[in-house]
């Protein structure tokens, strides 16, 4: 006799036993979620554009609410709730895909990054409706999934494809790994090989982030050269705003003003999910985000083993979505940087619902009153889990040089608010014009930078920021001193080379200026803009010196 879903005995309508105590995973995720929300609130304070920051804060709050709602409502009847969530995901994916395919919204990167998260959840939701024999939801869901899959295929976003492939590979390996407990030696060998491959991949990826020139594979080095340079600049900028972030929604102009030295937006995000979070919400925000995602991801294999055959498929779909999200995040940050931000938290809520479903299943099986009981060890584990993200942030705040870094952070926020909070291109031709205007008070920022240097004379960010302000205000000797010190410590920062080259040029040291400016890319016509600025000030001698340097660079290239 064939066993079908309809022939299975129906469960009792009595409400299953619900958790009365929090597990270590739940405590850790809850604590991290609370910290993440709080760092987002700080990001509103740090942002120079409060209206934009509040919209971003609302999206984060919505995403966390969805995560909590899915987890809470799915704790009892996980398959029913997650199936409905899946249908909603499929419908939303189809709507977003149609908007993109019809040309109403051209951000294909955001669409692709969203679809690789929604498609696995939508597929499992439609499958469960098929098992229940509900034709209309199946037809609607299947049509929606087809449209979304077509949009993903036509997007040509390779990072999204790689992310989805990584998720499928992880789900396939987990299903194979738990298929037969008798092949322990084979599984042990496979785990060892997979672990070594992952460690090697992470080591190579870390090398790409910090220095693509050190990558031993030429084609891989060339492939990531541009993004590696951006990631290194992002890491340097994160140090300027280490504790608070530069503010929600502030990345584009912060990049342009303090990295690329442009007066218009050039890049809107870091092309790296985790660096982007640290840029807008500080390192504590990144710690909190990892405190949510990594424990949930690590718990899914155990959850898979404990669940029944049907719930296991929901677990695999959730695993695909989270791994796709994380893998795509290693190469892009479209989800966090756009209005699709709440999608990040949907698979996390599904995973927590399955975790609680596993707890209920265990309790029904062994009749325990509490999964944690009254033993000392589980209590210690729960307290430790709650303390982990807080401990990481405490270590960050007490790291050597943290007080100086805090002064730089406060100074950077004060400078960003004072300059970009009042900067409008229609009024001010360039940010330097703000720094020369008495209406803009940068004394608070300068005071913080000087306090940082009193504690740490080798603080690169303080020297660079003070040098940039002094150069904009015409204090060339002061600017030259700060920028030379900054360059001696971190010569790889392109912004320092740009600023120091300008300081050399306007003080007549054209050879030194040409040597520095040859090492930078001038895709945004930064040098021409700097020459225009001095002509705008009627400082013709400085403008002519910059022209001389540009001519030397051009002749050397030819």
Protein backbone atom coordinates (compact mmCIF):
# COMPACT_ATOMS: atom_id res chain seq x y z
CA UNK A 1 0.00 0.00 0.00
CA UNK A 2 1.34 3.44 -0.95
CA UNK A 3 1.58 5.88 1.88
CA UNK A 4 0.29 9.34 0.96
CA UNK A 5 -0.07 12.51 2.95
CA UNK A 6 -3.85 12.12 3.02
CA UNK A 7 -3.57 8.58 4.43
CA UNK A 8 -1.43 9.62 7.37
CA UNK A 9 -3.26 9.65 10.71
CA UNK A 10 -4.32 13.12 11.73
CA UNK A 11 -2.73 14.62 14.78
CA UNK A 12 -4.70 15.50 17.82
CA UNK A 13 -6.27 18.92 17.75
CA UNK A 14 -4.94 19.51 21.24
CA UNK A 15 -2.48 22.41 21.32
CA UNK A 16 1.09 21.06 21.43
CA UNK A 17 3.27 21.82 24.38
CA UNK A 18 4.93 25.20 23.97
CA UNK A 19 8.37 26.15 25.25
CA UNK A 20 8.30 27.62 28.73
CA UNK A 21 12.02 28.37 28.83
CA UNK A 22 14.29 29.93 26.27
CA UNK A 23 17.01 27.76 24.70
CA UNK A 24 20.58 29.09 24.38
CA UNK A 25 20.05 29.64 20.67
CA UNK A 26 16.87 31.63 21.25
CA UNK A 27 18.54 33.76 23.93
CA UNK A 28 21.57 34.43 21.73
CA UNK A 29 19.45 35.39 18.73
CA UNK A 30 17.12 37.54 20.83
CA UNK A 31 20.02 39.40 22.46
CA UNK A 32 21.74 39.93 19.11
CA UNK A 33 18.48 41.12 17.54
CA UNK A 34 17.96 43.66 20.29
CA UNK A 35 21.52 44.96 19.93
CA UNK A 36 21.16 45.13 16.14
CA UNK A 37 17.98 47.18 16.47
CA UNK A 38 19.67 49.48 18.98
CA UNK A 39 22.67 50.03 16.68
CA UNK A 40 20.21 50.93 13.93
CA UNK A 41 18.72 53.53 16.27
CA UNK A 42 22.21 54.91 16.85
CA UNK A 43 22.60 54.94 13.07
CA UNK A 44 19.66 57.33 12.88
CA UNK A 45 21.43 59.66 15.31
CA UNK A 46 24.71 59.47 13.38
CA UNK A 47 23.17 60.09 9.95
CA UNK A 48 23.41 63.54 8.39
CA UNK A 49 20.05 63.01 6.62
CA UNK A 50 17.53 62.14 9.34
CA UNK A 51 14.60 61.62 6.96
CA UNK A 52 16.47 59.00 4.90
CA UNK A 53 17.80 57.36 8.06
CA UNK A 54 14.31 57.04 9.53
CA UNK A 55 13.09 55.28 6.39
CA UNK A 56 16.01 52.85 6.65
CA UNK A 57 15.30 52.36 10.36
CA UNK A 58 11.68 51.59 9.55
CA UNK A 59 12.77 48.93 7.04
CA UNK A 60 15.07 47.32 9.62
CA UNK A 61 12.31 47.38 12.24
CA UNK A 62 9.87 45.84 9.75
CA UNK A 63 12.35 43.10 8.92
CA UNK A 64 12.96 42.25 12.57
CA UNK A 65 9.20 42.27 13.21
CA UNK A 66 8.66 39.83 10.34
CA UNK A 67 11.40 37.60 11.70
CA UNK A 68 9.82 37.53 15.16
CA UNK A 69 6.28 37.08 13.85
CA UNK A 70 7.23 34.13 11.63
CA UNK A 71 9.17 32.48 14.46
CA UNK A 72 6.39 33.00 17.02
CA UNK A 73 3.46 31.89 14.87
CA UNK A 74 5.42 28.99 13.40
CA UNK A 75 6.49 27.55 16.75
CA UNK A 76 3.45 25.23 16.87
CA UNK A 77 2.36 24.50 13.29
CA UNK A 78 5.58 25.20 11.43
CA UNK A 79 4.64 23.66 8.07
CA UNK A 80 1.34 25.53 7.86
CA UNK A 81 2.85 28.90 8.72
CA UNK A 82 5.97 28.48 6.59
CA UNK A 83 3.86 27.33 3.65
CA UNK A 84 1.85 30.55 3.84
CA UNK A 85 5.06 32.54 4.16
CA UNK A 86 6.38 30.71 1.12
CA UNK A 87 3.31 31.58 -0.94
CA UNK A 88 3.68 35.22 0.09
CA UNK A 89 7.36 35.10 -0.89
CA UNK A 90 6.53 33.63 -4.30
CA UNK A 91 3.87 36.28 -4.94
CA UNK A 92 6.17 39.11 -3.90
CA UNK A 93 9.00 37.67 -6.00
CA UNK A 94 6.74 37.58 -9.06
CA UNK A 95 5.61 41.16 -8.53
CA UNK A 96 9.16 42.39 -8.11
CA UNK A 97 10.24 40.41 -11.18
CA UNK A 98 7.47 41.88 -13.34
CA UNK A 99 8.41 45.39 -12.29
CA UNK A 100 12.00 44.67 -13.30
CA UNK A 101 11.17 42.86 -16.56
CA UNK A 102 8.84 45.68 -17.65
CA UNK A 103 11.60 48.21 -17.06
CA UNK A 104 9.78 50.07 -14.29
CA UNK A 105 12.75 49.54 -11.98
CA UNK A 106 16.22 48.94 -13.34
CA UNK A 107 18.15 47.67 -10.31
CA UNK A 108 18.70 44.12 -11.47
CA UNK A 109 21.24 43.47 -8.70
CA UNK A 110 18.68 44.15 -5.98
CA UNK A 111 16.07 42.03 -7.75
CA UNK A 112 18.44 39.07 -8.19
CA UNK A 113 19.66 39.24 -4.59
CA UNK A 114 16.05 39.27 -3.40
CA UNK A 115 14.96 36.41 -5.62
CA UNK A 116 17.63 33.95 -4.45
CA UNK A 117 16.23 34.33 -0.92
CA UNK A 118 12.55 34.20 -1.85
CA UNK A 119 12.61 31.44 -4.46
CA UNK A 120 13.56 28.50 -2.16
CA UNK A 121 10.97 29.56 0.43
CA UNK A 122 8.34 30.03 -2.27
CA UNK A 123 9.09 26.66 -3.85
CA UNK A 124 8.63 24.73 -0.60
CA UNK A 125 5.44 26.66 0.15
CA UNK A 126 3.95 25.73 -3.22
CA UNK A 127 5.05 22.10 -2.78
CA UNK A 128 3.24 21.83 0.56
CA UNK A 129 0.07 23.25 -0.95
CA UNK A 130 0.37 20.56 -3.64
CA UNK A 131 0.66 17.88 -0.94
CA UNK A 132 -2.48 19.25 0.68
CA UNK A 133 -4.32 19.08 -2.64
CA UNK A 134 -5.06 22.81 -2.93
CA UNK A 135 -5.01 23.50 -6.66
CA UNK A 136 -5.60 27.25 -6.79
CA UNK A 137 -2.67 28.20 -4.50
CA UNK A 138 -0.49 25.74 -6.43
CA UNK A 139 -1.35 27.27 -9.80
CA UNK A 140 -0.82 30.82 -8.53
CA UNK A 141 2.39 29.91 -6.74
CA UNK A 142 3.84 27.92 -9.65
CA UNK A 143 3.10 30.77 -12.06
CA UNK A 144 4.73 33.25 -9.69
CA UNK A 145 7.82 31.05 -9.30
CA UNK A 146 8.15 30.71 -13.08
CA UNK A 147 8.11 34.48 -13.54
CA UNK A 148 10.64 34.95 -10.73
CA UNK A 149 12.96 32.25 -12.07
CA UNK A 150 12.87 33.84 -15.51
CA UNK A 151 13.74 37.24 -14.05
CA UNK A 152 16.65 35.74 -12.12
CA UNK A 153 17.94 34.07 -15.27
CA UNK A 154 17.68 37.26 -17.34
CA UNK A 155 19.29 39.41 -14.65
CA UNK A 156 22.78 38.10 -15.54
CA UNK A 157 23.81 38.71 -11.94
CA UNK A 158 26.56 36.13 -11.45
CA UNK A 159 26.99 36.86 -7.75
CA UNK A 160 23.34 35.95 -7.15
CA UNK A 161 23.66 32.78 -9.21
CA UNK A 162 26.75 31.77 -7.25
CA UNK A 163 24.91 32.41 -3.98
CA UNK A 164 21.94 30.26 -4.99
CA UNK A 165 24.26 27.50 -6.21
CA UNK A 166 26.10 27.56 -2.88
CA UNK A 167 22.80 27.20 -1.05
CA UNK A 168 21.75 24.26 -3.19
CA UNK A 169 25.10 22.54 -2.65
CA UNK A 170 24.87 22.96 1.14
CA UNK A 171 21.31 21.61 1.21
CA UNK A 172 22.26 18.66 -0.96
CA UNK A 173 25.24 17.83 1.22
CA UNK A 174 23.16 18.01 4.41
CA UNK A 175 20.49 15.71 2.95
CA UNK A 176 23.15 13.21 1.84
CA UNK A 177 25.02 13.50 5.13
CA UNK A 178 21.97 12.58 7.21
CA UNK A 179 20.60 9.90 4.89
CA UNK A 180 22.30 6.86 6.44
CA UNK A 181 23.86 6.80 9.90
CA UNK A 182 25.72 3.54 9.15
CA UNK A 183 28.28 5.17 6.85
CA UNK A 184 30.02 7.06 9.63
CA UNK A 185 33.53 6.58 8.21
CA UNK A 186 32.46 7.93 4.82
CA UNK A 187 30.74 10.91 6.37
CA UNK A 188 33.75 11.64 8.56
CA UNK A 189 36.02 11.70 5.53
CA UNK A 190 33.60 13.89 3.57
CA UNK A 191 33.30 16.32 6.50
CA UNK A 192 37.09 16.57 6.68
CA UNK A 193 37.42 17.31 2.98
CA UNK A 194 34.59 19.86 2.99
CA UNK A 195 36.04 21.54 6.08
CA UNK A 196 39.48 21.85 4.51
CA UNK A 197 38.03 23.21 1.27
CA UNK A 198 35.97 25.80 3.19
CA UNK A 199 38.95 26.89 5.31
CA UNK A 200 41.13 27.25 2.21
CA UNK A 201 38.41 29.22 0.46
CA UNK A 202 37.96 31.55 3.43
CA UNK A 203 41.73 32.10 3.66
CA UNK A 204 41.90 32.96 -0.04
CA UNK A 205 38.87 35.23 0.27
CA UNK A 206 40.43 37.02 3.25
CA UNK A 207 43.54 37.62 1.17
CA UNK A 208 41.40 39.11 -1.58
CA UNK A 209 39.71 41.49 0.87
CA UNK A 210 42.88 42.78 2.46
CA UNK A 211 45.23 42.70 -0.54
CA UNK A 212 44.37 41.34 -3.96
CA UNK A 213 48.04 41.71 -4.97
CA UNK A 214 48.88 38.82 -2.62
CA UNK A 215 46.53 36.38 -4.35
CA UNK A 216 48.68 33.69 -6.02
CA UNK A 217 46.22 33.02 -8.86
CA UNK A 218 46.58 35.76 -11.56
CA UNK A 219 43.11 35.50 -13.11
CA UNK A 220 41.47 35.52 -9.67
CA UNK A 221 43.59 38.51 -8.65
CA UNK A 222 42.53 40.43 -11.76
CA UNK A 223 38.88 39.42 -11.32
CA UNK A 224 38.67 40.88 -7.80
CA UNK A 225 41.15 43.76 -8.19
CA UNK A 226 38.50 46.49 -8.37
CA UNK A 227 36.34 45.18 -5.54
CA UNK A 228 39.34 44.37 -3.38
CA UNK A 229 40.43 48.01 -3.62
CA UNK A 230 36.92 49.14 -2.68
CA UNK A 231 36.79 46.72 0.26
CA UNK A 232 40.13 47.97 1.59
CA UNK A 233 38.90 51.58 1.38
CA UNK A 234 35.71 50.48 3.14
CA UNK A 235 37.70 48.89 5.96
CA UNK A 236 39.60 52.14 6.41
CA UNK A 237 36.36 54.13 6.44
CA UNK A 238 34.82 51.74 8.98
CA UNK A 239 37.65 52.61 11.36
CA UNK A 240 36.59 56.27 11.16
CA UNK A 241 33.07 55.35 12.32
CA UNK A 242 33.95 52.24 14.32
CA UNK A 243 31.38 52.42 17.12
CA UNK A 244 28.37 54.19 15.61
CA UNK A 245 28.68 53.80 11.86
CA UNK A 246 28.38 56.70 9.45
CA UNK A 247 24.59 56.59 9.74
CA UNK A 248 21.75 54.77 8.00
CA UNK A 249 21.51 55.64 4.31
CA UNK A 250 24.63 57.84 4.41
CA UNK A 251 27.06 55.63 2.51
CA UNK A 252 26.96 57.25 -0.95
CA UNK A 253 27.99 60.78 0.04
CA UNK A 254 30.33 59.61 2.81
CA UNK A 255 32.20 57.56 0.22
CA UNK A 256 32.32 60.46 -2.23
CA UNK A 257 33.39 63.09 0.30
CA UNK A 258 35.97 61.20 2.36
CA UNK A 259 37.22 58.42 0.05
CA UNK A 260 36.86 59.50 -3.58
CA UNK A 261 36.94 63.28 -2.85
CA UNK A 262 34.00 63.92 -5.19
CA UNK A 263 31.02 66.23 -4.70
CA UNK A 264 28.40 63.88 -6.18
CA UNK A 265 27.43 60.27 -5.33
CA UNK A 266 29.70 57.74 -7.02
CA UNK A 267 29.12 54.41 -5.25
CA UNK A 268 26.03 53.68 -3.17
CA UNK A 269 27.24 50.65 -1.24
CA UNK A 270 30.34 48.61 -0.46
CA UNK A 271 29.45 45.58 -2.60
CA UNK A 272 29.83 43.52 0.57
CA UNK A 273 26.93 42.88 2.94
CA UNK A 274 28.97 42.68 6.14
CA UNK A 275 31.16 45.71 5.38
CA UNK A 276 28.03 47.66 4.44
CA UNK A 277 26.41 46.89 7.80
CA UNK A 278 29.57 47.98 9.61
CA UNK A 279 29.68 51.18 7.54
CA UNK A 280 26.14 52.21 8.49
CA UNK A 281 25.74 50.68 11.97
CA UNK A 282 29.31 50.36 13.17
CA UNK A 283 31.20 47.24 14.21
CA UNK A 284 28.71 46.57 17.06
CA UNK A 285 25.96 46.34 14.44
CA UNK A 286 28.00 43.82 12.47
CA UNK A 287 28.69 41.79 15.62
CA UNK A 288 24.97 41.72 16.40
CA UNK A 289 24.07 40.69 12.84
CA UNK A 290 26.57 37.83 12.93
CA UNK A 291 25.17 36.92 16.35
CA UNK A 292 21.82 36.38 14.67
CA UNK A 293 22.84 34.67 11.44
CA UNK A 294 25.75 32.39 12.35
CA UNK A 295 24.10 30.57 15.31
CA UNK A 296 20.92 30.08 13.29
CA UNK A 297 22.90 28.71 10.36
CA UNK A 298 24.92 26.42 12.63
CA UNK A 299 21.74 25.08 14.26
CA UNK A 300 20.03 24.03 11.03
CA UNK A 301 21.83 20.65 10.63
CA UNK A 302 20.74 19.58 14.12
CA UNK A 303 17.23 20.88 13.48
CA UNK A 304 17.14 18.87 10.26
CA UNK A 305 18.08 15.66 12.06
CA UNK A 306 15.36 16.07 14.69
CA UNK A 307 12.45 16.98 12.41
CA UNK A 308 10.07 14.68 10.57
CA UNK A 309 10.39 13.92 6.83
CA UNK A 310 8.09 16.71 5.67
CA UNK A 311 9.47 19.38 7.98
CA UNK A 312 12.97 18.45 6.83
CA UNK A 313 12.19 19.80 3.38
CA UNK A 314 11.23 23.14 4.90
CA UNK A 315 14.54 23.07 6.75
CA UNK A 316 16.46 22.49 3.51
CA UNK A 317 14.63 25.37 1.78
CA UNK A 318 15.48 27.66 4.69
CA UNK A 319 19.11 26.55 4.56
CA UNK A 320 19.28 27.32 0.84
CA UNK A 321 17.87 30.81 1.41
CA UNK A 322 20.26 31.68 4.27
CA UNK A 323 23.37 30.31 2.55
CA UNK A 324 22.41 32.11 -0.68
CA UNK A 325 21.97 35.32 1.31
CA UNK A 326 25.36 34.94 3.02
CA UNK A 327 27.23 33.86 -0.12
CA UNK A 328 25.80 36.71 -2.18
CA UNK A 329 26.66 39.02 0.71
CA UNK A 330 30.33 38.18 0.35
CA UNK A 331 30.29 39.82 -3.08
CA UNK A 332 27.42 42.32 -2.94
CA UNK A 333 25.20 44.31 -0.57
CA UNK A 334 22.17 45.18 -2.70
CA UNK A 335 19.72 43.68 -0.21
CA UNK A 336 20.84 45.79 2.73
CA UNK A 337 21.43 48.96 0.71
CA UNK A 338 17.96 49.06 -0.91
CA UNK A 339 14.32 48.96 0.12
CA UNK A 340 14.41 45.15 -0.09
CA UNK A 341 16.19 45.12 3.28
CA UNK A 342 13.37 43.34 5.25
CA UNK A 343 13.81 40.25 3.03
CA UNK A 344 17.09 39.51 4.85
CA UNK A 345 15.22 38.54 8.01
CA UNK A 346 12.50 36.30 6.53
CA UNK A 347 14.58 33.08 6.32
CA UNK A 348 15.95 33.76 9.80
CA UNK A 349 12.40 33.78 11.15
CA UNK A 350 11.68 30.53 9.30
CA UNK A 351 14.76 28.92 10.85
CA UNK A 352 13.71 29.96 14.37
CA UNK A 353 10.20 28.57 13.77
CA UNK A 354 11.73 25.23 12.79
CA UNK A 355 14.00 25.34 15.84
CA UNK A 356 11.01 25.69 18.14
CA UNK A 357 9.16 23.00 16.18
CA UNK A 358 12.10 20.70 16.88
CA UNK A 359 11.88 21.50 20.59
CA UNK A 360 8.16 20.67 20.64
CA UNK A 361 8.82 17.42 18.82
CA UNK A 362 11.47 16.41 21.36
CA UNK A 363 9.21 17.22 24.30
CA UNK A 364 6.31 15.29 22.90
CA UNK A 365 8.64 12.36 22.38
CA UNK A 366 10.26 12.10 25.83
CA UNK A 367 7.65 13.87 27.98
CA UNK A 368 10.07 16.29 29.54
CA UNK A 369 8.60 19.30 31.26
CA UNK A 370 11.33 21.58 29.95
CA UNK A 371 13.96 21.21 27.30
CA UNK A 372 16.46 22.87 29.62
CA UNK A 373 15.17 21.31 32.84
CA UNK A 374 16.46 22.58 36.13
CA UNK A 375 20.05 21.51 35.66
CA UNK A 376 22.94 23.87 36.17
CA UNK A 377 24.69 23.23 32.84
CA UNK A 378 21.79 24.37 30.61
CA UNK A 379 21.36 27.47 32.75
CA UNK A 380 25.05 28.31 32.34
CA UNK A 381 24.80 27.71 28.59
CA UNK A 382 21.81 30.06 28.36
CA UNK A 383 23.52 32.85 30.31
CA UNK A 384 26.71 32.41 28.28
CA UNK A 385 24.79 32.60 25.02
CA UNK A 386 23.14 35.84 26.08
CA UNK A 387 26.50 37.32 27.07
CA UNK A 388 28.41 36.44 23.87
CA UNK A 389 27.49 39.47 21.71
CA UNK A 390 27.78 41.79 24.69
CA UNK A 391 31.20 40.35 25.51
CA UNK A 392 32.36 40.88 21.93
CA UNK A 393 31.26 44.53 22.04
CA UNK A 394 32.93 45.03 25.44
CA UNK A 395 36.19 43.66 24.02
CA UNK A 396 35.84 46.03 21.06
CA UNK A 397 35.35 49.00 23.38
CA UNK A 398 38.37 48.04 25.50
CA UNK A 399 40.72 47.21 22.66
CA UNK A 400 44.03 49.14 22.73
CA UNK A 401 43.49 52.56 21.20
CA UNK A 402 39.72 52.40 21.57
CA UNK A 403 39.45 55.75 23.40
CA UNK A 404 41.30 57.51 20.59
CA UNK A 405 39.12 55.66 18.08
CA UNK A 406 36.00 56.86 19.93
CA UNK A 407 37.18 60.48 19.64
CA UNK A 408 37.76 59.97 15.92
CA UNK A 409 34.32 58.40 15.60
CA UNK A 410 32.62 61.32 17.36
CA UNK A 411 34.64 63.78 15.32
CA UNK A 412 33.77 62.03 12.06
CA UNK A 413 30.05 62.06 12.90
CA UNK A 414 30.24 65.75 13.87
CA UNK A 415 32.08 66.60 10.64
CA UNK A 416 29.69 64.57 8.48
CA UNK A 417 26.65 66.23 10.04
CA UNK A 418 28.14 69.72 9.78
CA UNK A 419 29.24 69.33 6.16
CA UNK A 420 26.86 66.93 4.44
CA UNK A 421 23.88 67.97 6.53
CA UNK A 422 24.05 71.39 4.85
CA UNK A 423 25.49 70.40 1.51
CA UNK A 424 23.23 70.87 -1.51
CA UNK A 425 24.81 70.83 -4.92
CA UNK A 426 22.52 73.60 -6.13
CA UNK A 427 23.86 75.92 -3.40
CA UNK A 428 27.44 74.77 -2.78
CA UNK A 429 29.62 73.92 -5.80
CA UNK A 430 31.81 71.58 -3.74
CA UNK A 431 32.22 70.48 -0.12
CA UNK A 432 35.36 72.63 0.26
CA UNK A 433 33.17 75.71 -0.07
CA UNK A 434 31.36 74.65 3.09
CA UNK A 435 34.63 74.34 5.01
CA UNK A 436 35.55 77.91 4.07
CA UNK A 437 32.18 79.29 5.18
CA UNK A 438 31.81 80.69 8.69
CA UNK A 439 28.27 79.32 8.87
CA UNK A 440 29.65 75.78 9.08
CA UNK A 441 31.32 75.10 12.41
CA UNK A 442 33.88 72.29 12.33
CA UNK A 443 35.44 73.17 15.67
CA UNK A 444 33.73 70.27 17.47
CA UNK A 445 35.09 67.78 14.95
CA UNK A 446 38.58 69.28 15.04
CA UNK A 447 38.56 69.18 18.84
CA UNK A 448 37.74 65.48 18.80
CA UNK A 449 40.49 64.77 16.27
CA UNK A 450 43.06 66.64 18.34
CA UNK A 451 42.02 64.74 21.46
CA UNK A 452 42.50 61.51 19.52
CA UNK A 453 46.01 62.59 18.50
CA UNK A 454 46.82 63.49 22.11
CA UNK A 455 46.08 59.86 23.00
CA UNK A 456 47.46 58.28 19.83
CA UNK A 457 49.81 60.41 17.74
CA UNK A 458 49.78 57.78 14.97
CA UNK A 459 46.00 57.86 14.43
CA UNK A 460 45.73 57.95 10.64
CA UNK A 461 42.06 58.97 10.48
CA UNK A 462 42.61 62.03 12.68
CA UNK A 463 45.60 63.17 10.61
CA UNK A 464 43.74 62.64 7.34
CA UNK A 465 40.61 64.47 8.45
CA UNK A 466 42.51 67.41 9.92
CA UNK A 467 44.67 67.55 6.80
CA UNK A 468 41.64 67.59 4.53
CA UNK A 469 39.99 70.41 6.52
CA UNK A 470 43.19 72.47 6.60
CA UNK A 471 43.78 71.99 2.86
CA UNK A 472 40.22 73.09 2.07
CA UNK A 473 40.69 76.22 4.20
CA UNK A 474 44.02 77.15 2.61
CA UNK A 475 46.24 76.27 5.60
CA UNK A 476 48.71 74.43 3.38
CA UNK A 477 51.54 74.03 5.90
CA UNK A 478 49.22 72.47 8.51
CA UNK A 479 47.65 70.22 5.87
CA UNK A 480 51.06 69.10 4.58
CA UNK A 481 52.21 68.16 8.09
CA UNK A 482 49.13 66.05 8.88
CA UNK A 483 48.98 64.37 5.49
CA UNK A 484 52.68 63.48 5.46
CA UNK A 485 52.27 61.79 8.84
CA UNK A 486 49.18 59.92 7.64
CA UNK A 487 50.94 58.81 4.45
CA UNK A 488 53.96 57.55 6.39
CA UNK A 489 51.66 55.25 8.40
CA UNK A 490 49.19 54.09 5.72
CA UNK A 491 50.46 54.87 2.20
CA UNK A 492 47.92 52.50 0.61
CA UNK A 493 44.91 54.75 1.26
CA UNK A 494 44.01 56.44 -2.01
CA UNK A 495 42.35 59.42 -0.29
CA UNK A 496 45.58 60.20 1.57
CA UNK A 497 47.59 60.01 -1.67
CA UNK A 498 45.10 62.33 -3.38
CA UNK A 499 45.15 64.88 -0.58
CA UNK A 500 48.91 64.78 -0.04
CA UNK A 501 49.50 65.08 -3.78
CA UNK A 502 47.30 68.19 -3.80
CA UNK A 503 49.18 69.64 -0.82
CA UNK A 504 52.47 69.07 -2.64
CA UNK A 505 51.09 70.59 -5.85
CA UNK A 506 49.72 73.82 -4.36
CA UNK A 507 52.97 74.38 -2.40
CA UNK A 508 55.06 74.05 -5.57
CA UNK A 509 56.39 70.53 -4.99
CA UNK A 510 55.18 69.32 -8.37
CA UNK A 511 57.55 66.34 -8.70
CA UNK A 512 56.32 64.81 -5.43
CA UNK A 513 52.72 65.53 -6.42
CA UNK A 514 53.12 63.83 -9.81
CA UNK A 515 54.75 60.79 -8.21
CA UNK A 516 51.78 60.35 -5.86
CA UNK A 517 49.03 61.07 -8.35
CA UNK A 518 50.42 58.54 -10.82
CA UNK A 519 49.50 55.83 -8.31
CA UNK A 520 45.77 56.65 -8.23
CA UNK A 521 42.90 56.17 -10.62
CA UNK A 522 41.29 59.38 -11.90
CA UNK A 523 38.06 57.87 -13.20
CA UNK A 524 35.96 60.57 -11.55
CA UNK A 525 38.11 63.41 -12.95
CA UNK A 526 39.14 64.32 -9.42
CA UNK A 527 42.26 66.21 -10.52
CA UNK A 528 40.31 68.35 -12.97
CA UNK A 529 37.80 69.12 -10.23
CA UNK A 530 40.57 70.17 -7.85
CA UNK A 531 42.00 72.52 -10.51
CA UNK A 532 38.51 73.97 -11.06
CA UNK A 533 38.18 74.60 -7.31
CA UNK A 534 41.28 76.79 -7.20
CA UNK A 535 40.17 78.67 -10.30
CA UNK A 536 36.82 79.20 -8.55
CA UNK A 537 38.75 80.72 -5.62
CA UNK A 538 40.74 82.87 -8.07
CA UNK A 539 43.88 81.13 -6.76
CA UNK A 540 45.49 80.99 -10.20
CA UNK A 541 48.97 80.09 -9.02
CA UNK A 542 47.70 76.94 -7.28
CA UNK A 543 45.54 76.06 -10.31
CA UNK A 544 48.51 76.43 -12.67
CA UNK A 545 50.64 74.19 -10.47
CA UNK A 546 47.95 71.49 -10.53
CA UNK A 547 47.78 71.86 -14.33
CA UNK A 548 51.55 71.39 -14.49
CA UNK A 549 51.31 68.18 -12.47
CA UNK A 550 48.47 66.87 -14.65
CA UNK A 551 50.53 67.60 -17.79
CA UNK A 552 53.51 65.69 -16.39
CA UNK A 553 51.33 62.70 -15.57
CA UNK A 554 49.77 62.77 -19.04
CA UNK A 555 53.18 62.98 -20.75
CA UNK A 556 54.55 60.10 -18.66
CA UNK A 557 51.59 57.91 -19.63
CA UNK A 558 52.08 58.65 -23.33
